[in-house]
Amino acid sequence: MKIKKFEFNNFPVNTYVLYDETGEAVLIDCGCVYPEEEAELSRFIEENGLKPVRLLCTHLHLDHVLGNNYIREKYGLEPEAHSADLTGLPTLEQQARLFGMPLKRPSVPVTRCLKDGEEIRFGNTSLSVIHVPGHSPGSVVFYNVPGNAAVSGDVLFYGSIGRTDLWGGDQQELTEGIKNNLFVLPDETVIYPGHGPETTIGFEKKHNPFL
């Protein structure tokens, strides 16, 4: 499995394309909002002959889903997320108003809900869904066992954890979830977070001041 990272929008958020030798790909946290960002993402997909087959969301905070409408229009994919964010978070339009941020495209409803322990398959690759609430009620991590790689959204960062002062946030729940569900992964597991640089499970066990 290969991983390509993009940094999009004003927050800025990491958007990931995961793909393998078959050419099938999944898109995770599509935050592209400007035409040049949309073009950059599509250019990479086209130049590498990829076929996007799933649109996955680690959670439904607005910075991570701003590109979902473009992806649906361009590739016909509907966003997938954990059901707890559907009931525990304001809509994209409500979040945008609270942040004073006008939307360029309307929101796209989640049509398929992800479950803890579910296996997501594309090409010859699979991802395990790990539910780790606390940043948002439905935050999930996508873990690839052979590649020792996990896309963590805003659950775990280099030297930090996700903020817990937004809707449904709970710092104790988040830290316990990280320790119980992520720190059991191999130390060499690379964490691809929703913002900032990559890290590893081993590094965060030793150095993360929140944990």
N, C-alpha and C. Protein backbone atom coordinates (compact mmCIF):
# COMPACT_ATOMS: atom_id res chain seq x y z
N MET A 1 0.83 -1.20 0.00
CA MET A 1 0.00 0.00 0.00
C MET A 1 0.87 1.25 0.00
N LYS A 2 0.50 2.22 -0.80
CA LYS A 2 1.18 3.51 -0.84
C LYS A 2 0.25 4.59 -0.30
N ILE A 3 0.87 5.63 0.27
CA ILE A 3 0.11 6.72 0.86
C ILE A 3 0.62 8.04 0.31
N LYS A 4 -0.29 8.84 -0.21
CA LYS A 4 0.04 10.18 -0.68
C LYS A 4 -0.70 11.19 0.18
N LYS A 5 0.03 12.16 0.72
CA LYS A 5 -0.58 13.18 1.57
C LYS A 5 -0.65 14.52 0.86
N PHE A 6 -1.78 15.19 1.01
CA PHE A 6 -1.97 16.55 0.54
C PHE A 6 -2.33 17.42 1.74
N GLU A 7 -1.99 18.69 1.69
CA GLU A 7 -2.39 19.63 2.74
C GLU A 7 -3.31 20.67 2.11
N PHE A 8 -4.57 20.68 2.56
CA PHE A 8 -5.60 21.50 1.92
C PHE A 8 -6.30 22.42 2.91
N ASN A 9 -6.89 23.44 2.38
CA ASN A 9 -7.73 24.48 3.00
C ASN A 9 -6.98 25.28 4.06
N ASN A 10 -7.69 26.21 4.67
CA ASN A 10 -7.04 27.19 5.54
C ASN A 10 -6.76 26.70 6.95
N PHE A 11 -7.16 25.46 7.27
CA PHE A 11 -7.00 25.04 8.67
C PHE A 11 -5.57 24.65 9.05
N PRO A 12 -4.72 24.05 8.25
CA PRO A 12 -4.93 23.21 7.07
C PRO A 12 -5.07 21.74 7.49
N VAL A 13 -5.69 20.96 6.63
CA VAL A 13 -5.96 19.56 6.95
C VAL A 13 -5.20 18.65 6.00
N ASN A 14 -4.81 17.48 6.51
CA ASN A 14 -4.16 16.48 5.67
C ASN A 14 -5.21 15.60 5.01
N THR A 15 -5.14 15.54 3.70
CA THR A 15 -5.99 14.65 2.90
C THR A 15 -5.10 13.52 2.39
N TYR A 16 -5.60 12.29 2.43
CA TYR A 16 -4.78 11.14 2.05
C TYR A 16 -5.42 10.35 0.91
N VAL A 17 -4.56 9.88 0.01
CA VAL A 17 -4.94 8.90 -1.00
C VAL A 17 -4.15 7.63 -0.70
N LEU A 18 -4.86 6.55 -0.45
CA LEU A 18 -4.24 5.25 -0.21
C LEU A 18 -4.52 4.37 -1.41
N TYR A 19 -3.49 3.70 -1.95
CA TYR A 19 -3.68 2.90 -3.15
C TYR A 19 -2.66 1.77 -3.18
N ASP A 20 -2.91 0.79 -4.05
CA ASP A 20 -1.97 -0.31 -4.19
C ASP A 20 -1.73 -0.63 -5.65
N GLU A 21 -1.10 -1.77 -5.90
CA GLU A 21 -0.66 -2.13 -7.25
C GLU A 21 -1.82 -2.35 -8.21
N THR A 22 -3.03 -2.55 -7.70
CA THR A 22 -4.19 -2.75 -8.58
C THR A 22 -4.70 -1.44 -9.17
N GLY A 23 -4.31 -0.32 -8.59
CA GLY A 23 -4.80 0.97 -9.03
C GLY A 23 -6.02 1.45 -8.26
N GLU A 24 -6.65 0.55 -7.49
CA GLU A 24 -7.79 0.99 -6.68
C GLU A 24 -7.29 1.84 -5.52
N ALA A 25 -8.10 2.84 -5.16
CA ALA A 25 -7.68 3.79 -4.13
C ALA A 25 -8.86 4.17 -3.25
N VAL A 26 -8.54 4.58 -2.02
CA VAL A 26 -9.52 5.20 -1.15
C VAL A 26 -9.03 6.60 -0.82
N LEU A 27 -9.97 7.52 -0.68
CA LEU A 27 -9.67 8.90 -0.32
C LEU A 27 -10.12 9.11 1.11
N ILE A 28 -9.27 9.72 1.93
CA ILE A 28 -9.57 9.91 3.35
C ILE A 28 -9.48 11.40 3.69
N ASP A 29 -10.56 11.93 4.26
CA ASP A 29 -10.63 13.31 4.74
C ASP A 29 -10.33 14.31 3.63
N CYS A 30 -11.19 14.35 2.65
CA CYS A 30 -10.97 15.24 1.51
C CYS A 30 -11.31 16.68 1.89
N GLY A 31 -10.26 17.46 2.13
CA GLY A 31 -10.45 18.83 2.56
C GLY A 31 -10.25 19.85 1.46
N CYS A 32 -10.10 19.43 0.21
CA CYS A 32 -9.86 20.38 -0.87
C CYS A 32 -11.07 21.30 -1.03
N VAL A 33 -10.79 22.61 -1.08
CA VAL A 33 -11.89 23.57 -1.17
C VAL A 33 -11.69 24.58 -2.31
N TYR A 34 -10.43 24.84 -2.67
CA TYR A 34 -10.14 25.78 -3.74
C TYR A 34 -9.92 25.03 -5.05
N PRO A 35 -10.21 25.66 -6.20
CA PRO A 35 -10.06 24.98 -7.49
C PRO A 35 -8.67 24.41 -7.71
N GLU A 36 -7.63 25.11 -7.27
CA GLU A 36 -6.28 24.60 -7.47
C GLU A 36 -6.02 23.36 -6.62
N GLU A 37 -6.68 23.27 -5.46
CA GLU A 37 -6.53 22.08 -4.62
C GLU A 37 -7.27 20.90 -5.24
N GLU A 38 -8.45 21.15 -5.75
CA GLU A 38 -9.20 20.09 -6.42
C GLU A 38 -8.43 19.58 -7.63
N ALA A 39 -7.83 20.50 -8.38
CA ALA A 39 -7.06 20.11 -9.57
C ALA A 39 -5.82 19.32 -9.18
N GLU A 40 -5.16 19.70 -8.09
CA GLU A 40 -3.96 18.98 -7.64
C GLU A 40 -4.29 17.54 -7.27
N LEU A 41 -5.40 17.35 -6.55
CA LEU A 41 -5.80 16.02 -6.15
C LEU A 41 -6.15 15.17 -7.36
N SER A 42 -6.96 15.70 -8.26
CA SER A 42 -7.37 14.94 -9.44
C SER A 42 -6.22 14.66 -10.38
N ARG A 43 -5.29 15.59 -10.47
CA ARG A 43 -4.11 15.38 -11.32
C ARG A 43 -3.29 14.20 -10.82
N PHE A 44 -3.11 14.10 -9.51
CA PHE A 44 -2.36 12.97 -8.97
C PHE A 44 -3.08 11.66 -9.26
N ILE A 45 -4.39 11.65 -9.09
CA ILE A 45 -5.17 10.43 -9.34
C ILE A 45 -5.06 10.01 -10.80
N GLU A 46 -5.18 10.96 -11.70
CA GLU A 46 -5.15 10.66 -13.13
C GLU A 46 -3.75 10.27 -13.60
N GLU A 47 -2.74 10.98 -13.12
CA GLU A 47 -1.37 10.70 -13.57
C GLU A 47 -0.89 9.32 -13.11
N ASN A 48 -1.46 8.83 -12.01
CA ASN A 48 -1.06 7.53 -11.49
C ASN A 48 -2.04 6.42 -11.87
N GLY A 49 -3.01 6.75 -12.73
CA GLY A 49 -3.95 5.76 -13.21
C GLY A 49 -4.79 5.13 -12.12
N LEU A 50 -5.18 5.91 -11.12
CA LEU A 50 -5.90 5.36 -9.98
C LEU A 50 -7.41 5.39 -10.20
N LYS A 51 -8.07 4.47 -9.52
CA LYS A 51 -9.53 4.39 -9.54
C LYS A 51 -10.03 4.53 -8.11
N PRO A 52 -10.50 5.72 -7.70
CA PRO A 52 -11.04 5.87 -6.35
C PRO A 52 -12.32 5.06 -6.19
N VAL A 53 -12.39 4.28 -5.11
CA VAL A 53 -13.54 3.41 -4.90
C VAL A 53 -14.28 3.69 -3.59
N ARG A 54 -13.65 4.40 -2.63
CA ARG A 54 -14.32 4.74 -1.38
C ARG A 54 -13.90 6.14 -0.94
N LEU A 55 -14.81 6.84 -0.30
CA LEU A 55 -14.54 8.16 0.28
C LEU A 55 -14.77 8.05 1.78
N LEU A 56 -13.68 8.02 2.55
CA LEU A 56 -13.74 7.73 3.98
C LEU A 56 -13.49 9.00 4.79
N CYS A 57 -14.17 9.11 5.93
CA CYS A 57 -14.02 10.26 6.81
C CYS A 57 -13.62 9.77 8.19
N THR A 58 -12.51 10.28 8.72
CA THR A 58 -12.15 9.94 10.09
C THR A 58 -13.15 10.55 11.06
N HIS A 59 -13.72 11.69 10.70
CA HIS A 59 -14.79 12.33 11.48
C HIS A 59 -15.38 13.43 10.62
N LEU A 60 -16.41 14.09 11.13
CA LEU A 60 -17.18 15.00 10.29
C LEU A 60 -17.04 16.47 10.69
N HIS A 61 -15.92 16.87 11.27
CA HIS A 61 -15.66 18.29 11.44
C HIS A 61 -15.44 18.91 10.07
N LEU A 62 -15.86 20.17 9.92
CA LEU A 62 -15.96 20.76 8.59
C LEU A 62 -14.64 20.77 7.81
N ASP A 63 -13.50 20.97 8.48
CA ASP A 63 -12.24 21.06 7.75
C ASP A 63 -11.87 19.75 7.06
N HIS A 64 -12.42 18.64 7.53
CA HIS A 64 -12.09 17.33 6.98
C HIS A 64 -13.07 16.88 5.88
N VAL A 65 -14.12 17.62 5.66
CA VAL A 65 -15.14 17.16 4.70
C VAL A 65 -15.46 18.20 3.63
N LEU A 66 -14.70 19.28 3.57
CA LEU A 66 -15.02 20.36 2.63
C LEU A 66 -14.92 19.92 1.17
N GLY A 67 -14.16 18.87 0.89
CA GLY A 67 -14.01 18.41 -0.49
C GLY A 67 -14.96 17.30 -0.88
N ASN A 68 -15.84 16.87 0.02
CA ASN A 68 -16.69 15.72 -0.29
C ASN A 68 -17.61 15.97 -1.47
N ASN A 69 -18.12 17.19 -1.59
CA ASN A 69 -19.01 17.48 -2.71
C ASN A 69 -18.28 17.35 -4.03
N TYR A 70 -17.06 17.87 -4.09
CA TYR A 70 -16.26 17.75 -5.32
C TYR A 70 -16.00 16.29 -5.66
N ILE A 71 -15.66 15.48 -4.66
CA ILE A 71 -15.36 14.08 -4.92
C ILE A 71 -16.60 13.35 -5.42
N ARG A 72 -17.75 13.68 -4.87
CA ARG A 72 -18.98 13.04 -5.37
C ARG A 72 -19.25 13.42 -6.81
N GLU A 73 -19.08 14.69 -7.14
CA GLU A 73 -19.31 15.13 -8.51
C GLU A 73 -18.29 14.54 -9.48
N LYS A 74 -17.04 14.46 -9.05
CA LYS A 74 -15.96 14.03 -9.94
C LYS A 74 -15.90 12.52 -10.09
N TYR A 75 -16.09 11.77 -8.97
CA TYR A 75 -15.86 10.33 -8.98
C TYR A 75 -17.09 9.51 -8.58
N GLY A 76 -18.18 10.18 -8.24
CA GLY A 76 -19.41 9.47 -7.91
C GLY A 76 -19.36 8.73 -6.58
N LEU A 77 -18.52 9.18 -5.66
CA LEU A 77 -18.38 8.50 -4.37
C LEU A 77 -19.15 9.25 -3.29
N GLU A 78 -19.77 8.49 -2.39
CA GLU A 78 -20.50 9.06 -1.27
C GLU A 78 -19.66 8.91 0.00
N PRO A 79 -19.67 9.90 0.89
CA PRO A 79 -18.85 9.82 2.10
C PRO A 79 -19.34 8.76 3.07
N GLU A 80 -18.37 8.16 3.78
CA GLU A 80 -18.65 7.15 4.80
C GLU A 80 -18.04 7.61 6.11
N ALA A 81 -18.78 7.49 7.21
CA ALA A 81 -18.30 7.93 8.51
C ALA A 81 -19.02 7.15 9.59
N HIS A 82 -18.57 7.28 10.83
CA HIS A 82 -19.20 6.60 11.95
C HIS A 82 -20.52 7.30 12.30
N SER A 83 -21.52 6.53 12.65
CA SER A 83 -22.86 7.06 12.90
C SER A 83 -22.91 8.04 14.08
N ALA A 84 -21.99 7.91 15.04
CA ALA A 84 -22.02 8.79 16.20
C ALA A 84 -21.81 10.26 15.83
N ASP A 85 -21.10 10.52 14.74
CA ASP A 85 -20.92 11.90 14.31
C ASP A 85 -22.16 12.44 13.62
N LEU A 86 -23.00 11.57 13.11
CA LEU A 86 -24.22 12.03 12.45
C LEU A 86 -25.21 12.61 13.46
N THR A 87 -25.22 12.06 14.66
CA THR A 87 -26.13 12.52 15.70
C THR A 87 -25.46 13.45 16.70
N GLY A 88 -24.13 13.41 16.79
CA GLY A 88 -23.44 14.15 17.82
C GLY A 88 -22.80 15.45 17.38
N LEU A 89 -22.87 15.78 16.08
CA LEU A 89 -22.26 17.01 15.57
C LEU A 89 -23.28 17.85 14.83
N PRO A 90 -23.09 19.18 14.81
CA PRO A 90 -23.91 20.02 13.94
C PRO A 90 -23.66 19.67 12.47
N THR A 91 -24.55 20.09 11.61
CA THR A 91 -24.35 19.89 10.18
C THR A 91 -23.17 20.72 9.70
N LEU A 92 -22.70 20.41 8.51
CA LEU A 92 -21.59 21.18 7.93
C LEU A 92 -21.97 22.66 7.82
N GLU A 93 -23.21 22.93 7.41
CA GLU A 93 -23.65 24.32 7.27
C GLU A 93 -23.66 25.03 8.63
N GLN A 94 -24.11 24.34 9.68
CA GLN A 94 -24.12 24.93 11.02
C GLN A 94 -22.70 25.18 11.52
N GLN A 95 -21.80 24.23 11.29
CA GLN A 95 -20.41 24.42 11.70
C GLN A 95 -19.79 25.61 10.97
N ALA A 96 -20.07 25.72 9.68
CA ALA A 96 -19.50 26.81 8.89
C ALA A 96 -19.97 28.16 9.41
N ARG A 97 -21.24 28.26 9.78
CA ARG A 97 -21.74 29.52 10.32
C ARG A 97 -21.06 29.86 11.65
N LEU A 98 -20.86 28.85 12.49
CA LEU A 98 -20.22 29.08 13.78
C LEU A 98 -18.77 29.53 13.62
N PHE A 99 -18.10 29.06 12.57
CA PHE A 99 -16.72 29.46 12.31
C PHE A 99 -16.64 30.70 11.42
N GLY A 100 -17.78 31.22 11.00
CA GLY A 100 -17.80 32.38 10.13
C GLY A 100 -17.17 32.11 8.78
N MET A 101 -17.41 30.91 8.27
CA MET A 101 -16.76 30.47 7.03
C MET A 101 -17.81 30.13 5.98
N PRO A 102 -17.96 30.93 4.94
CA PRO A 102 -18.94 30.60 3.90
C PRO A 102 -18.54 29.36 3.13
N LEU A 103 -19.52 28.53 2.81
CA LEU A 103 -19.25 27.30 2.07
C LEU A 103 -19.29 27.56 0.57
N LYS A 104 -18.33 26.97 -0.15
CA LYS A 104 -18.31 27.08 -1.60
C LYS A 104 -19.22 26.04 -2.25
N ARG A 105 -19.42 24.90 -1.55
CA ARG A 105 -20.27 23.83 -2.05
C ARG A 105 -21.14 23.32 -0.90
N PRO A 106 -22.34 22.85 -1.18
CA PRO A 106 -23.20 22.32 -0.12
C PRO A 106 -22.67 21.01 0.44
N SER A 107 -23.16 20.65 1.61
CA SER A 107 -22.72 19.41 2.26
C SER A 107 -23.24 18.19 1.49
N VAL A 108 -22.59 17.06 1.74
CA VAL A 108 -22.98 15.79 1.14
C VAL A 108 -23.35 14.83 2.26
N PRO A 109 -24.54 14.27 2.26
CA PRO A 109 -24.93 13.38 3.36
C PRO A 109 -24.13 12.08 3.36
N VAL A 110 -23.86 11.57 4.54
CA VAL A 110 -23.23 10.26 4.69
C VAL A 110 -24.26 9.20 4.37
N THR A 111 -23.92 8.31 3.47
CA THR A 111 -24.87 7.28 3.05
C THR A 111 -24.52 5.90 3.59
N ARG A 112 -23.32 5.76 4.15
CA ARG A 112 -22.92 4.48 4.72
C ARG A 112 -22.15 4.73 6.00
N CYS A 113 -22.55 4.05 7.08
CA CYS A 113 -21.92 4.25 8.38
C CYS A 113 -20.88 3.17 8.64
N LEU A 114 -19.73 3.59 9.13
CA LEU A 114 -18.64 2.69 9.46
C LEU A 114 -18.81 2.18 10.88
N LYS A 115 -18.35 0.96 11.12
CA LYS A 115 -18.47 0.35 12.44
C LYS A 115 -17.10 -0.04 12.97
N ASP A 116 -16.94 0.03 14.28
CA ASP A 116 -15.69 -0.39 14.92
C ASP A 116 -15.39 -1.85 14.58
N GLY A 117 -14.16 -2.13 14.16
CA GLY A 117 -13.77 -3.48 13.81
C GLY A 117 -14.06 -3.87 12.37
N GLU A 118 -14.73 -3.02 11.63
CA GLU A 118 -15.05 -3.31 10.23
C GLU A 118 -13.79 -3.33 9.38
N GLU A 119 -13.78 -4.18 8.35
CA GLU A 119 -12.68 -4.24 7.40
C GLU A 119 -13.09 -3.55 6.10
N ILE A 120 -12.31 -2.59 5.68
CA ILE A 120 -12.54 -1.89 4.42
C ILE A 120 -11.54 -2.42 3.41
N ARG A 121 -12.04 -2.90 2.28
CA ARG A 121 -11.17 -3.51 1.29
C ARG A 121 -11.17 -2.71 -0.01
N PHE A 122 -9.98 -2.56 -0.57
CA PHE A 122 -9.83 -1.98 -1.91
C PHE A 122 -8.61 -2.62 -2.54
N GLY A 123 -8.74 -3.02 -3.79
CA GLY A 123 -7.65 -3.73 -4.43
C GLY A 123 -7.26 -4.94 -3.61
N ASN A 124 -5.96 -5.08 -3.32
CA ASN A 124 -5.45 -6.16 -2.47
C ASN A 124 -5.19 -5.70 -1.04
N THR A 125 -5.79 -4.59 -0.66
CA THR A 125 -5.49 -3.95 0.61
C THR A 125 -6.72 -3.91 1.50
N SER A 126 -6.49 -3.96 2.80
CA SER A 126 -7.61 -3.82 3.76
C SER A 126 -7.22 -2.86 4.87
N LEU A 127 -8.21 -2.15 5.38
CA LEU A 127 -8.05 -1.24 6.51
C LEU A 127 -9.01 -1.66 7.61
N SER A 128 -8.54 -1.65 8.83
CA SER A 128 -9.40 -1.91 9.98
C SER A 128 -9.89 -0.59 10.54
N VAL A 129 -11.17 -0.54 10.87
CA VAL A 129 -11.75 0.66 11.47
C VAL A 129 -11.64 0.55 12.99
N ILE A 130 -11.01 1.54 13.61
CA ILE A 130 -10.87 1.58 15.06
C ILE A 130 -11.59 2.83 15.57
N HIS A 131 -12.64 2.65 16.34
CA HIS A 131 -13.41 3.77 16.87
C HIS A 131 -12.72 4.31 18.12
N VAL A 132 -12.32 5.59 18.07
CA VAL A 132 -11.66 6.23 19.21
C VAL A 132 -12.34 7.59 19.45
N PRO A 133 -13.46 7.61 20.16
CA PRO A 133 -14.17 8.87 20.41
C PRO A 133 -13.43 9.76 21.40
N GLY A 134 -13.87 11.00 21.48
CA GLY A 134 -13.27 11.94 22.42
C GLY A 134 -12.94 13.27 21.77
N HIS A 135 -12.41 13.22 20.54
CA HIS A 135 -12.27 14.45 19.76
C HIS A 135 -13.62 14.79 19.16
N SER A 136 -14.25 13.80 18.58
CA SER A 136 -15.65 13.86 18.19
C SER A 136 -16.26 12.52 18.57
N PRO A 137 -17.59 12.45 18.67
CA PRO A 137 -18.21 11.18 19.09
C PRO A 137 -17.91 10.02 18.16
N GLY A 138 -17.72 10.31 16.87
CA GLY A 138 -17.54 9.24 15.91
C GLY A 138 -16.16 9.13 15.31
N SER A 139 -15.16 9.71 15.95
CA SER A 139 -13.81 9.67 15.38
C SER A 139 -13.32 8.23 15.22
N VAL A 140 -12.76 7.94 14.05
CA VAL A 140 -12.22 6.62 13.79
C VAL A 140 -10.81 6.74 13.23
N VAL A 141 -10.06 5.65 13.38
CA VAL A 141 -8.70 5.51 12.83
C VAL A 141 -8.73 4.37 11.83
N PHE A 142 -8.06 4.53 10.70
CA PHE A 142 -7.98 3.49 9.68
C PHE A 142 -6.59 2.86 9.72
N TYR A 143 -6.53 1.57 10.04
CA TYR A 143 -5.26 0.89 10.30
C TYR A 143 -5.00 -0.21 9.28
N ASN A 144 -3.82 -0.15 8.67
CA ASN A 144 -3.37 -1.19 7.74
C ASN A 144 -2.29 -2.02 8.41
N VAL A 145 -2.58 -3.29 8.65
CA VAL A 145 -1.67 -4.15 9.42
C VAL A 145 -0.36 -4.40 8.68
N PRO A 146 -0.37 -4.88 7.42
CA PRO A 146 0.91 -5.18 6.75
C PRO A 146 1.81 -3.97 6.59
N GLY A 147 1.19 -2.80 6.40
CA GLY A 147 1.99 -1.60 6.19
C GLY A 147 2.38 -0.88 7.46
N ASN A 148 1.91 -1.40 8.62
CA ASN A 148 2.18 -0.72 9.89
C ASN A 148 1.88 0.77 9.78
N ALA A 149 0.69 1.09 9.30
CA ALA A 149 0.30 2.48 9.06
C ALA A 149 -1.13 2.71 9.54
N ALA A 150 -1.36 3.87 10.13
CA ALA A 150 -2.69 4.22 10.60
C ALA A 150 -2.97 5.69 10.31
N VAL A 151 -4.12 5.94 9.67
CA VAL A 151 -4.57 7.32 9.45
C VAL A 151 -5.46 7.68 10.62
N SER A 152 -5.01 8.64 11.43
CA SER A 152 -5.63 8.86 12.74
C SER A 152 -6.58 10.03 12.81
N GLY A 153 -6.75 10.77 11.72
CA GLY A 153 -7.61 11.95 11.82
C GLY A 153 -7.09 12.88 12.91
N ASP A 154 -8.01 13.39 13.74
CA ASP A 154 -7.60 14.30 14.82
C ASP A 154 -7.56 13.60 16.18
N VAL A 155 -7.40 12.30 16.18
CA VAL A 155 -7.28 11.55 17.44
C VAL A 155 -5.89 11.74 18.04
N LEU A 156 -4.86 11.49 17.23
CA LEU A 156 -3.48 11.50 17.74
C LEU A 156 -2.59 12.26 16.76
N PHE A 157 -1.78 13.16 17.31
CA PHE A 157 -0.84 13.95 16.52
C PHE A 157 0.59 13.72 17.01
N TYR A 158 1.54 14.28 16.28
CA TYR A 158 2.92 14.31 16.75
C TYR A 158 2.98 15.15 18.02
N GLY A 159 3.22 14.50 19.15
CA GLY A 159 3.35 15.20 20.42
C GLY A 159 2.08 15.80 20.97
N SER A 160 0.93 15.40 20.46
CA SER A 160 -0.31 16.01 20.93
C SER A 160 -1.49 15.07 20.67
N ILE A 161 -2.67 15.53 21.07
CA ILE A 161 -3.91 14.81 20.81
C ILE A 161 -4.94 15.80 20.29
N GLY A 162 -6.07 15.30 19.83
CA GLY A 162 -7.11 16.17 19.30
C GLY A 162 -7.72 17.06 20.38
N ARG A 163 -8.17 18.22 19.97
CA ARG A 163 -8.85 19.12 20.91
C ARG A 163 -10.17 18.50 21.35
N THR A 164 -10.58 18.82 22.55
CA THR A 164 -11.79 18.20 23.10
C THR A 164 -12.82 19.23 23.55
N ASP A 165 -12.67 20.47 23.07
CA ASP A 165 -13.59 21.53 23.47
C ASP A 165 -14.68 21.78 22.43
N LEU A 166 -14.78 20.90 21.44
CA LEU A 166 -15.85 21.00 20.46
C LEU A 166 -16.97 20.03 20.82
N TRP A 167 -17.96 19.93 19.97
CA TRP A 167 -19.17 19.17 20.25
C TRP A 167 -18.86 17.71 20.57
N GLY A 168 -19.30 17.28 21.76
CA GLY A 168 -19.11 15.88 22.14
C GLY A 168 -17.70 15.51 22.52
N GLY A 169 -16.82 16.50 22.68
CA GLY A 169 -15.44 16.21 23.04
C GLY A 169 -15.31 15.78 24.49
N ASP A 170 -14.34 14.91 24.77
CA ASP A 170 -14.12 14.41 26.13
C ASP A 170 -12.67 13.97 26.23
N GLN A 171 -11.85 14.74 26.95
CA GLN A 171 -10.41 14.44 26.98
C GLN A 171 -10.11 13.10 27.64
N GLN A 172 -10.80 12.78 28.72
CA GLN A 172 -10.55 11.49 29.37
C GLN A 172 -10.90 10.34 28.45
N GLU A 173 -12.02 10.46 27.77
CA GLU A 173 -12.43 9.41 26.84
C GLU A 173 -11.41 9.26 25.71
N LEU A 174 -10.90 10.39 25.24
CA LEU A 174 -9.93 10.36 24.15
C LEU A 174 -8.62 9.73 24.59
N THR A 175 -8.07 10.16 25.72
CA THR A 175 -6.79 9.61 26.17
C THR A 175 -6.91 8.12 26.50
N GLU A 176 -8.01 7.72 27.10
CA GLU A 176 -8.20 6.30 27.39
C GLU A 176 -8.34 5.50 26.10
N GLY A 177 -9.03 6.07 25.11
CA GLY A 177 -9.19 5.38 23.83
C GLY A 177 -7.87 5.20 23.11
N ILE A 178 -7.02 6.21 23.17
CA ILE A 178 -5.71 6.11 22.54
C ILE A 178 -4.88 5.02 23.22
N LYS A 179 -4.86 5.04 24.55
CA LYS A 179 -4.06 4.05 25.28
C LYS A 179 -4.59 2.63 25.06
N ASN A 180 -5.90 2.47 25.05
CA ASN A 180 -6.49 1.13 24.97
C ASN A 180 -6.57 0.58 23.56
N ASN A 181 -6.67 1.48 22.56
CA ASN A 181 -6.91 1.01 21.19
C ASN A 181 -5.77 1.28 20.22
N LEU A 182 -4.97 2.29 20.49
CA LEU A 182 -3.85 2.60 19.59
C LEU A 182 -2.51 2.19 20.16
N PHE A 183 -2.32 2.36 21.45
CA PHE A 183 -1.03 2.01 22.04
C PHE A 183 -0.81 0.50 22.12
N VAL A 184 -1.81 -0.28 21.74
CA VAL A 184 -1.62 -1.73 21.64
C VAL A 184 -1.07 -2.11 20.27
N LEU A 185 -1.00 -1.17 19.34
CA LEU A 185 -0.42 -1.43 18.02
C LEU A 185 1.10 -1.47 18.14
N PRO A 186 1.78 -2.09 17.18
CA PRO A 186 3.26 -2.15 17.24
C PRO A 186 3.87 -0.75 17.32
N ASP A 187 4.97 -0.64 18.04
CA ASP A 187 5.64 0.65 18.22
C ASP A 187 6.04 1.28 16.90
N GLU A 188 6.34 0.46 15.90
CA GLU A 188 6.79 0.99 14.61
C GLU A 188 5.65 1.48 13.73
N THR A 189 4.41 1.34 14.19
CA THR A 189 3.27 1.80 13.41
C THR A 189 3.37 3.30 13.16
N VAL A 190 3.31 3.68 11.88
CA VAL A 190 3.38 5.10 11.52
C VAL A 190 1.98 5.70 11.60
N ILE A 191 1.87 6.83 12.29
CA ILE A 191 0.61 7.55 12.43
C ILE A 191 0.58 8.68 11.42
N TYR A 192 -0.44 8.68 10.57
CA TYR A 192 -0.66 9.75 9.60
C TYR A 192 -1.83 10.59 10.11
N PRO A 193 -1.55 11.73 10.73
CA PRO A 193 -2.60 12.49 11.42
C PRO A 193 -3.37 13.43 10.50
N GLY A 194 -4.41 14.02 11.06
CA GLY A 194 -5.24 14.95 10.30
C GLY A 194 -4.60 16.30 10.09
N HIS A 195 -3.59 16.62 10.88
CA HIS A 195 -2.85 17.87 10.75
C HIS A 195 -1.40 17.60 11.15
N GLY A 196 -0.48 18.25 10.48
CA GLY A 196 0.92 18.16 10.87
C GLY A 196 1.63 16.92 10.37
N PRO A 197 2.85 16.69 10.90
CA PRO A 197 3.71 15.63 10.39
C PRO A 197 3.35 14.25 10.95
N GLU A 198 3.93 13.22 10.33
CA GLU A 198 3.74 11.85 10.79
C GLU A 198 4.49 11.62 12.11
N THR A 199 4.09 10.57 12.80
CA THR A 199 4.77 10.15 14.01
C THR A 199 4.66 8.63 14.11
N THR A 200 5.07 8.06 15.21
CA THR A 200 4.92 6.62 15.41
C THR A 200 4.30 6.35 16.78
N ILE A 201 3.73 5.17 16.91
CA ILE A 201 3.16 4.77 18.19
C ILE A 201 4.25 4.76 19.27
N GLY A 202 5.42 4.22 18.95
CA GLY A 202 6.50 4.14 19.92
C GLY A 202 6.93 5.51 20.41
N PHE A 203 7.02 6.48 19.49
CA PHE A 203 7.43 7.83 19.87
C PHE A 203 6.41 8.45 20.81
N GLU A 204 5.13 8.29 20.48
CA GLU A 204 4.08 8.93 21.29
C GLU A 204 3.97 8.28 22.67
N LYS A 205 4.22 6.99 22.76
CA LYS A 205 4.23 6.34 24.07
C LYS A 205 5.27 6.97 25.00
N LYS A 206 6.42 7.34 24.44
CA LYS A 206 7.52 7.85 25.25
C LYS A 206 7.45 9.35 25.47
N HIS A 207 6.92 10.10 24.49
CA HIS A 207 7.12 11.53 24.51
C HIS A 207 5.84 12.38 24.53
N ASN A 208 4.69 11.80 24.28
CA ASN A 208 3.47 12.62 24.21
C ASN A 208 3.08 13.10 25.61
N PRO A 209 3.10 14.41 25.87
CA PRO A 209 2.84 14.91 27.23
C PRO A 209 1.40 14.70 27.69
N PHE A 210 0.47 14.49 26.75
CA PHE A 210 -0.92 14.26 27.11
C PHE A 210 -1.19 12.83 27.52
N LEU A 211 -0.22 11.94 27.27
CA LEU A 211 -0.48 10.50 27.45
C LEU A 211 0.52 9.87 28.42
